[in-house]
């Protein structure tokens, strides 16, 4: 991340300062959830998660993995 705030950081900061205090915990949760869903996990963490799911029999039949992929 840059040492100097970007235009977006300034705009986000302005919006946060306009938000009433009672809504800040919910806003923080939303920001964290957003960040966690848009960033990729490191390869080793992703593999570990997949391995854990496989070992716990959290599997789908191969034909279900492609459901909806070619839907038009």
PDB file of N, CA and C in Angstrom:
ATOM      1  N   UNK A   1       0.840  -1.181   0.000  1.00  0.00           N
ATOM      2  CA  UNK A   1       0.000   0.000   0.000  1.00  0.00           C
ATOM      3  C   UNK A   1       0.888   1.248   0.000  1.00  0.00           C
ATOM      4  N   UNK A   2       0.426   2.280  -0.677  1.00  0.00           N
ATOM      5  CA  UNK A   2       1.192   3.518  -0.745  1.00  0.00           C
ATOM      6  C   UNK A   2       1.300   4.191   0.611  1.00  0.00           C
ATOM      7  N   UNK A   3       2.373   4.974   0.749  1.00  0.00           N
ATOM      8  CA  UNK A   3       2.499   5.759   1.974  1.00  0.00           C
ATOM      9  C   UNK A   3       1.573   6.963   1.930  1.00  0.00           C
ATOM     10  N   UNK A   4       1.292   7.436   0.741  1.00  0.00           N
ATOM     11  CA  UNK A   4       0.405   8.580   0.593  1.00  0.00           C
ATOM     12  C   UNK A   4      -1.006   8.079   0.306  1.00  0.00           C
ATOM     13  N   UNK A   5      -1.984   8.655   0.990  1.00  0.00           N
ATOM     14  CA  UNK A   5      -3.365   8.191   0.782  1.00  0.00           C
ATOM     15  C   UNK A   5      -3.809   8.408  -0.665  1.00  0.00           C
ATOM     16  N   UNK A   6      -4.467   7.412  -1.212  1.00  0.00           N
ATOM     17  CA  UNK A   6      -4.995   7.543  -2.569  1.00  0.00           C
ATOM     18  C   UNK A   6      -6.294   8.347  -2.520  1.00  0.00           C
ATOM     19  N   UNK A   7      -6.783   8.688  -3.682  1.00  0.00           N
ATOM     20  CA  UNK A   7      -8.053   9.409  -3.786  1.00  0.00           C
ATOM     21  C   UNK A   7      -9.160   8.579  -3.138  1.00  0.00           C
ATOM     22  N   UNK A   8      -9.133   7.254  -3.365  1.00  0.00           N
ATOM     23  CA  UNK A   8     -10.173   6.390  -2.808  1.00  0.00           C
ATOM     24  C   UNK A   8     -10.091   6.317  -1.292  1.00  0.00           C
ATOM     25  N   UNK A   9      -8.874   6.270  -0.760  1.00  0.00           N
ATOM     26  CA  UNK A   9      -8.732   6.250   0.701  1.00  0.00           C
ATOM     27  C   UNK A   9      -9.307   7.525   1.308  1.00  0.00           C
ATOM     28  N   UNK A  10      -9.071   8.640   0.664  1.00  0.00           N
ATOM     29  CA  UNK A  10      -9.609   9.909   1.162  1.00  0.00           C
ATOM     30  C   UNK A  10     -11.137   9.908   1.111  1.00  0.00           C
ATOM     31  N   UNK A  11     -11.696   9.425   0.008  1.00  0.00           N
ATOM     32  CA  UNK A  11     -13.157   9.395  -0.129  1.00  0.00           C
ATOM     33  C   UNK A  11     -13.784   8.429   0.869  1.00  0.00           C
ATOM     34  N   UNK A  12     -13.154   7.270   1.050  1.00  0.00           N
ATOM     35  CA  UNK A  12     -13.664   6.304   2.028  1.00  0.00           C
ATOM     36  C   UNK A  12     -13.608   6.898   3.423  1.00  0.00           C
ATOM     37  N   UNK A  13     -12.500   7.553   3.737  1.00  0.00           N
ATOM     38  CA  UNK A  13     -12.348   8.180   5.053  1.00  0.00           C
ATOM     39  C   UNK A  13     -13.425   9.244   5.277  1.00  0.00           C
ATOM     40  N   UNK A  14     -13.707  10.034   4.253  1.00  0.00           N
ATOM     41  CA  UNK A  14     -14.750  11.059   4.369  1.00  0.00           C
ATOM     42  C   UNK A  14     -16.109  10.419   4.651  1.00  0.00           C
ATOM     43  N   UNK A  15     -16.409   9.335   3.961  1.00  0.00           N
ATOM     44  CA  UNK A  15     -17.682   8.646   4.177  1.00  0.00           C
ATOM     45  C   UNK A  15     -17.764   8.060   5.584  1.00  0.00           C
ATOM     46  N   UNK A  16     -16.656   7.505   6.059  1.00  0.00           N
ATOM     47  CA  UNK A  16     -16.635   6.944   7.416  1.00  0.00           C
ATOM     48  C   UNK A  16     -16.902   8.036   8.442  1.00  0.00           C
ATOM     49  N   UNK A  17     -16.293   9.190   8.252  1.00  0.00           N
ATOM     50  CA  UNK A  17     -16.487  10.291   9.204  1.00  0.00           C
ATOM     51  C   UNK A  17     -17.925  10.813   9.191  1.00  0.00           C
ATOM     52  N   UNK A  18     -18.638  10.608   8.099  1.00  0.00           N
ATOM     53  CA  UNK A  18     -20.037  11.032   8.005  1.00  0.00           C
ATOM     54  C   UNK A  18     -20.997   9.990   8.587  1.00  0.00           C
ATOM     55  N   UNK A  19     -20.480   8.799   8.878  1.00  0.00           N
ATOM     56  CA  UNK A  19     -21.317   7.702   9.365  1.00  0.00           C
ATOM     57  C   UNK A  19     -21.523   7.820  10.870  1.00  0.00           C
ATOM     58  N   UNK A  20     -22.770   7.735  11.352  1.00  0.00           N
ATOM     59  CA  UNK A  20     -23.020   7.793  12.797  1.00  0.00           C
ATOM     60  C   UNK A  20     -22.298   6.652  13.527  1.00  0.00           C
ATOM     61  N   UNK A  21     -21.817   6.958  14.727  1.00  0.00           N
ATOM     62  CA  UNK A  21     -21.023   6.001  15.506  1.00  0.00           C
ATOM     63  C   UNK A  21     -21.712   4.655  15.701  1.00  0.00           C
ATOM     64  N   UNK A  22     -23.022   4.658  15.868  1.00  0.00           N
ATOM     65  CA  UNK A  22     -23.705   3.392  16.142  1.00  0.00           C
ATOM     66  C   UNK A  22     -23.670   2.434  14.947  1.00  0.00           C
ATOM     67  N   UNK A  23     -23.353   2.953  13.750  1.00  0.00           N
ATOM     68  CA  UNK A  23     -23.280   2.099  12.561  1.00  0.00           C
ATOM     69  C   UNK A  23     -21.856   1.654  12.234  1.00  0.00           C
ATOM     70  N   UNK A  24     -20.877   2.171  12.948  1.00  0.00           N
ATOM     71  CA  UNK A  24     -19.486   1.838  12.640  1.00  0.00           C
ATOM     72  C   UNK A  24     -19.147   0.355  12.815  1.00  0.00           C
ATOM     73  N   UNK A  25     -19.643  -0.336  13.858  1.00  0.00           N
ATOM     74  CA  UNK A  25     -19.339  -1.774  13.947  1.00  0.00           C
ATOM     75  C   UNK A  25     -19.846  -2.559  12.732  1.00  0.00           C
ATOM     76  N   UNK A  26     -21.035  -2.242  12.259  1.00  0.00           N
ATOM     77  CA  UNK A  26     -21.575  -2.930  11.082  1.00  0.00           C
ATOM     78  C   UNK A  26     -20.758  -2.591   9.838  1.00  0.00           C
ATOM     79  N   UNK A  27     -20.350  -1.336   9.728  1.00  0.00           N
ATOM     80  CA  UNK A  27     -19.529  -0.920   8.595  1.00  0.00           C
ATOM     81  C   UNK A  27     -18.192  -1.651   8.600  1.00  0.00           C
ATOM     82  N   UNK A  28     -17.593  -1.772   9.763  1.00  0.00           N
ATOM     83  CA  UNK A  28     -16.331  -2.497   9.886  1.00  0.00           C
ATOM     84  C   UNK A  28     -16.500  -3.949   9.458  1.00  0.00           C
ATOM     85  N   UNK A  29     -17.579  -4.583   9.885  1.00  0.00           N
ATOM     86  CA  UNK A  29     -17.847  -5.968   9.478  1.00  0.00           C
ATOM     87  C   UNK A  29     -17.990  -6.080   7.962  1.00  0.00           C
ATOM     88  N   UNK A  30     -18.681  -5.108   7.357  1.00  0.00           N
ATOM     89  CA  UNK A  30     -18.875  -5.130   5.909  1.00  0.00           C
ATOM     90  C   UNK A  30     -17.546  -4.983   5.176  1.00  0.00           C
ATOM     91  N   UNK A  31     -16.708  -4.082   5.652  1.00  0.00           N
ATOM     92  CA  UNK A  31     -15.410  -3.858   5.010  1.00  0.00           C
ATOM     93  C   UNK A  31     -14.540  -5.107   5.119  1.00  0.00           C
ATOM     94  N   UNK A  32     -14.523  -5.725   6.298  1.00  0.00           N
ATOM     95  CA  UNK A  32     -13.731  -6.948   6.477  1.00  0.00           C
ATOM     96  C   UNK A  32     -14.236  -8.061   5.572  1.00  0.00           C
ATOM     97  N   UNK A  33     -15.552  -8.245   5.527  1.00  0.00           N
ATOM     98  CA  UNK A  33     -16.130  -9.287   4.686  1.00  0.00           C
ATOM     99  C   UNK A  33     -15.798  -9.034   3.218  1.00  0.00           C
ATOM    100  N   UNK A  34     -15.905  -7.795   2.796  1.00  0.00           N
ATOM    101  CA  UNK A  34     -15.573  -7.441   1.414  1.00  0.00           C
ATOM    102  C   UNK A  34     -14.121  -7.787   1.105  1.00  0.00           C
ATOM    103  N   UNK A  35     -13.216  -7.373   1.967  1.00  0.00           N
ATOM    104  CA  UNK A  35     -11.787  -7.631   1.750  1.00  0.00           C
ATOM    105  C   UNK A  35     -11.504  -9.122   1.692  1.00  0.00           C
ATOM    106  N   UNK A  36     -12.116  -9.878   2.588  1.00  0.00           N
ATOM    107  CA  UNK A  36     -11.875 -11.321   2.636  1.00  0.00           C
ATOM    108  C   UNK A  36     -12.419 -12.040   1.409  1.00  0.00           C
ATOM    109  N   UNK A  37     -13.461 -11.508   0.793  1.00  0.00           N
ATOM    110  CA  UNK A  37     -14.047 -12.188  -0.360  1.00  0.00           C
ATOM    111  C   UNK A  37     -13.415 -11.773  -1.677  1.00  0.00           C
ATOM    112  N   UNK A  38     -12.737 -10.647  -1.726  1.00  0.00           N
ATOM    113  CA  UNK A  38     -12.135 -10.213  -2.987  1.00  0.00           C
ATOM    114  C   UNK A  38     -10.652 -10.528  -3.086  1.00  0.00           C
ATOM    115  N   UNK A  39     -10.012 -10.867  -1.988  1.00  0.00           N
ATOM    116  CA  UNK A  39      -8.591 -11.188  -2.041  1.00  0.00           C
ATOM    117  C   UNK A  39      -8.401 -12.693  -2.112  1.00  0.00           C
ATOM    118  N   UNK A  40      -7.402 -13.096  -2.852  1.00  0.00           N
ATOM    119  CA  UNK A  40      -7.104 -14.518  -2.977  1.00  0.00           C
ATOM    120  C   UNK A  40      -6.293 -14.993  -1.787  1.00  0.00           C
ATOM    121  N   UNK A  41      -6.595 -16.199  -1.348  1.00  0.00           N
ATOM    122  CA  UNK A  41      -5.804 -16.807  -0.289  1.00  0.00           C
ATOM    123  C   UNK A  41      -4.472 -17.252  -0.882  1.00  0.00           C
ATOM    124  N   UNK A  42      -3.419 -17.282  -0.077  1.00  0.00           N
ATOM    125  CA  UNK A  42      -2.157 -17.835  -0.565  1.00  0.00           C
ATOM    126  C   UNK A  42      -2.367 -19.291  -0.992  1.00  0.00           C
ATOM    127  N   UNK A  43      -1.564 -19.757  -1.937  1.00  0.00           N
ATOM    128  CA  UNK A  43      -1.737 -21.098  -2.496  1.00  0.00           C
ATOM    129  C   UNK A  43      -1.702 -22.175  -1.422  1.00  0.00           C
ATOM    130  N   UNK A  44      -0.784 -22.056  -0.462  1.00  0.00           N
ATOM    131  CA  UNK A  44      -0.687 -23.098   0.565  1.00  0.00           C
ATOM    132  C   UNK A  44      -1.932 -23.134   1.447  1.00  0.00           C
ATOM    133  N   UNK A  45      -2.490 -21.970   1.735  1.00  0.00           N
ATOM    134  CA  UNK A  45      -3.712 -21.908   2.545  1.00  0.00           C
ATOM    135  C   UNK A  45      -4.900 -22.481   1.773  1.00  0.00           C
ATOM    136  N   UNK A  46      -4.967 -22.162   0.480  1.00  0.00           N
ATOM    137  CA  UNK A  46      -6.038 -22.676  -0.362  1.00  0.00           C
ATOM    138  C   UNK A  46      -5.946 -24.197  -0.486  1.00  0.00           C
ATOM    139  N   UNK A  47      -4.736 -24.707  -0.677  1.00  0.00           N
ATOM    140  CA  UNK A  47      -4.547 -26.156  -0.763  1.00  0.00           C
ATOM    141  C   UNK A  47      -4.933 -26.826   0.549  1.00  0.00           C
ATOM    142  N   UNK A  48      -4.505 -26.231   1.669  1.00  0.00           N
ATOM    143  CA  UNK A  48      -4.815 -26.806   2.982  1.00  0.00           C
ATOM    144  C   UNK A  48      -6.324 -26.878   3.196  1.00  0.00           C
ATOM    145  N   UNK A  49      -7.041 -25.843   2.782  1.00  0.00           N
ATOM    146  CA  UNK A  49      -8.499 -25.839   2.909  1.00  0.00           C
ATOM    147  C   UNK A  49      -9.113 -26.939   2.053  1.00  0.00           C
ATOM    148  N   UNK A  50      -8.659 -27.059   0.813  1.00  0.00           N
ATOM    149  CA  UNK A  50      -9.168 -28.105  -0.072  1.00  0.00           C
ATOM    150  C   UNK A  50      -8.871 -29.499   0.455  1.00  0.00           C
ATOM    151  N   UNK A  51      -7.674 -29.674   0.994  1.00  0.00           N
ATOM    152  CA  UNK A  51      -7.290 -30.979   1.554  1.00  0.00           C
ATOM    153  C   UNK A  51      -8.169 -31.321   2.757  1.00  0.00           C
ATOM    154  N   UNK A  52      -8.408 -30.320   3.609  1.00  0.00           N
ATOM    155  CA  UNK A  52      -9.257 -30.528   4.789  1.00  0.00           C
ATOM    156  C   UNK A  52     -10.664 -30.947   4.361  1.00  0.00           C
ATOM    157  N   UNK A  53     -11.207 -30.261   3.363  1.00  0.00           N
ATOM    158  CA  UNK A  53     -12.546 -30.598   2.871  1.00  0.00           C
ATOM    159  C   UNK A  53     -12.575 -32.011   2.293  1.00  0.00           C
ATOM    160  N   UNK A  54     -11.542 -32.377   1.550  1.00  0.00           N
ATOM    161  CA  UNK A  54     -11.486 -33.725   0.975  1.00  0.00           C
ATOM    162  C   UNK A  54     -11.403 -34.782   2.075  1.00  0.00           C
ATOM    163  N   UNK A  55     -10.606 -34.539   3.084  1.00  0.00           N
ATOM    164  CA  UNK A  55     -10.447 -35.501   4.172  1.00  0.00           C
ATOM    165  C   UNK A  55     -11.717 -35.633   5.018  1.00  0.00           C
ATOM    166  N   UNK A  56     -12.532 -34.572   5.038  1.00  0.00           N
ATOM    167  CA  UNK A  56     -13.799 -34.597   5.773  1.00  0.00           C
ATOM    168  C   UNK A  56     -14.961 -35.040   4.885  1.00  0.00           C
ATOM    169  N   UNK A  57     -14.620 -35.541   3.700  1.00  0.00           N
ATOM    170  CA  UNK A  57     -15.614 -36.034   2.747  1.00  0.00           C
ATOM    171  C   UNK A  57     -16.608 -34.948   2.325  1.00  0.00           C
ATOM    172  N   UNK A  58     -16.143 -33.705   2.291  1.00  0.00           N
ATOM    173  CA  UNK A  58     -16.966 -32.589   1.823  1.00  0.00           C
ATOM    174  C   UNK A  58     -16.758 -32.470   0.313  1.00  0.00           C
ATOM    175  N   UNK A  59     -17.339 -33.406  -0.409  1.00  0.00           N
ATOM    176  CA  UNK A  59     -17.098 -33.541  -1.837  1.00  0.00           C
ATOM    177  C   UNK A  59     -18.386 -33.410  -2.625  1.00  0.00           C
ATOM    178  N   UNK A  60     -18.244 -33.044  -3.888  1.00  0.00           N
ATOM    179  CA  UNK A  60     -19.367 -33.024  -4.823  1.00  0.00           C
ATOM    180  C   UNK A  60     -19.044 -33.971  -5.969  1.00  0.00           C
ATOM    181  N   UNK A  61     -20.053 -34.648  -6.513  1.00  0.00           N
ATOM    182  CA  UNK A  61     -19.815 -35.466  -7.700  1.00  0.00           C
ATOM    183  C   UNK A  61     -19.302 -34.584  -8.840  1.00  0.00           C
ATOM    184  N   UNK A  62     -18.412 -35.121  -9.649  1.00  0.00           N
ATOM    185  CA  UNK A  62     -17.778 -34.341 -10.714  1.00  0.00           C
ATOM    186  C   UNK A  62     -18.791 -33.699 -11.650  1.00  0.00           C
ATOM    187  N   UNK A  63     -19.905 -34.383 -11.943  1.00  0.00           N
ATOM    188  CA  UNK A  63     -20.890 -33.811 -12.857  1.00  0.00           C
ATOM    189  C   UNK A  63     -21.571 -32.578 -12.271  1.00  0.00           C
ATOM    190  N   UNK A  64     -21.632 -32.459 -10.958  1.00  0.00           N
ATOM    191  CA  UNK A  64     -22.238 -31.281 -10.322  1.00  0.00           C
ATOM    192  C   UNK A  64     -21.295 -30.079 -10.326  1.00  0.00           C
ATOM    193  N   UNK A  65     -20.009 -30.316 -10.426  1.00  0.00           N
ATOM    194  CA  UNK A  65     -19.048 -29.213 -10.402  1.00  0.00           C
ATOM    195  C   UNK A  65     -19.208 -28.280 -11.597  1.00  0.00           C
ATOM    196  N   UNK A  66     -19.744 -28.793 -12.688  1.00  0.00           N
ATOM    197  CA  UNK A  66     -19.877 -28.006 -13.905  1.00  0.00           C
ATOM    198  C   UNK A  66     -21.282 -27.451 -14.100  1.00  0.00           C
ATOM    199  N   UNK A  67     -22.193 -27.719 -13.178  1.00  0.00           N
ATOM    200  CA  UNK A  67     -23.567 -27.215 -13.303  1.00  0.00           C
ATOM    201  C   UNK A  67     -23.566 -25.696 -13.435  1.00  0.00           C
ATOM    202  N   UNK A  68     -24.237 -25.201 -14.457  1.00  0.00           N
ATOM    203  CA  UNK A  68     -24.388 -23.768 -14.633  1.00  0.00           C
ATOM    204  C   UNK A  68     -23.227 -23.073 -15.309  1.00  0.00           C
ATOM    205  N   UNK A  69     -22.128 -23.764 -15.557  1.00  0.00           N
ATOM    206  CA  UNK A  69     -20.957 -23.118 -16.163  1.00  0.00           C
ATOM    207  C   UNK A  69     -21.250 -22.691 -17.595  1.00  0.00           C
ATOM    208  N   UNK A  70     -21.886 -23.565 -18.351  1.00  0.00           N
ATOM    209  CA  UNK A  70     -22.160 -23.267 -19.755  1.00  0.00           C
ATOM    210  C   UNK A  70     -23.585 -22.784 -19.977  1.00  0.00           C
ATOM    211  N   UNK A  71     -24.253 -22.374 -18.916  1.00  0.00           N
ATOM    212  CA  UNK A  71     -25.631 -21.894 -19.047  1.00  0.00           C
ATOM    213  C   UNK A  71     -25.643 -20.589 -19.836  1.00  0.00           C
ATOM    214  N   UNK A  72     -26.576 -20.483 -20.736  1.00  0.00           N
ATOM    215  CA  UNK A  72     -26.693 -19.237 -21.511  1.00  0.00           C
ATOM    216  C   UNK A  72     -28.091 -18.711 -21.476  1.00  0.00           C
TER     217      UNK A  72
END
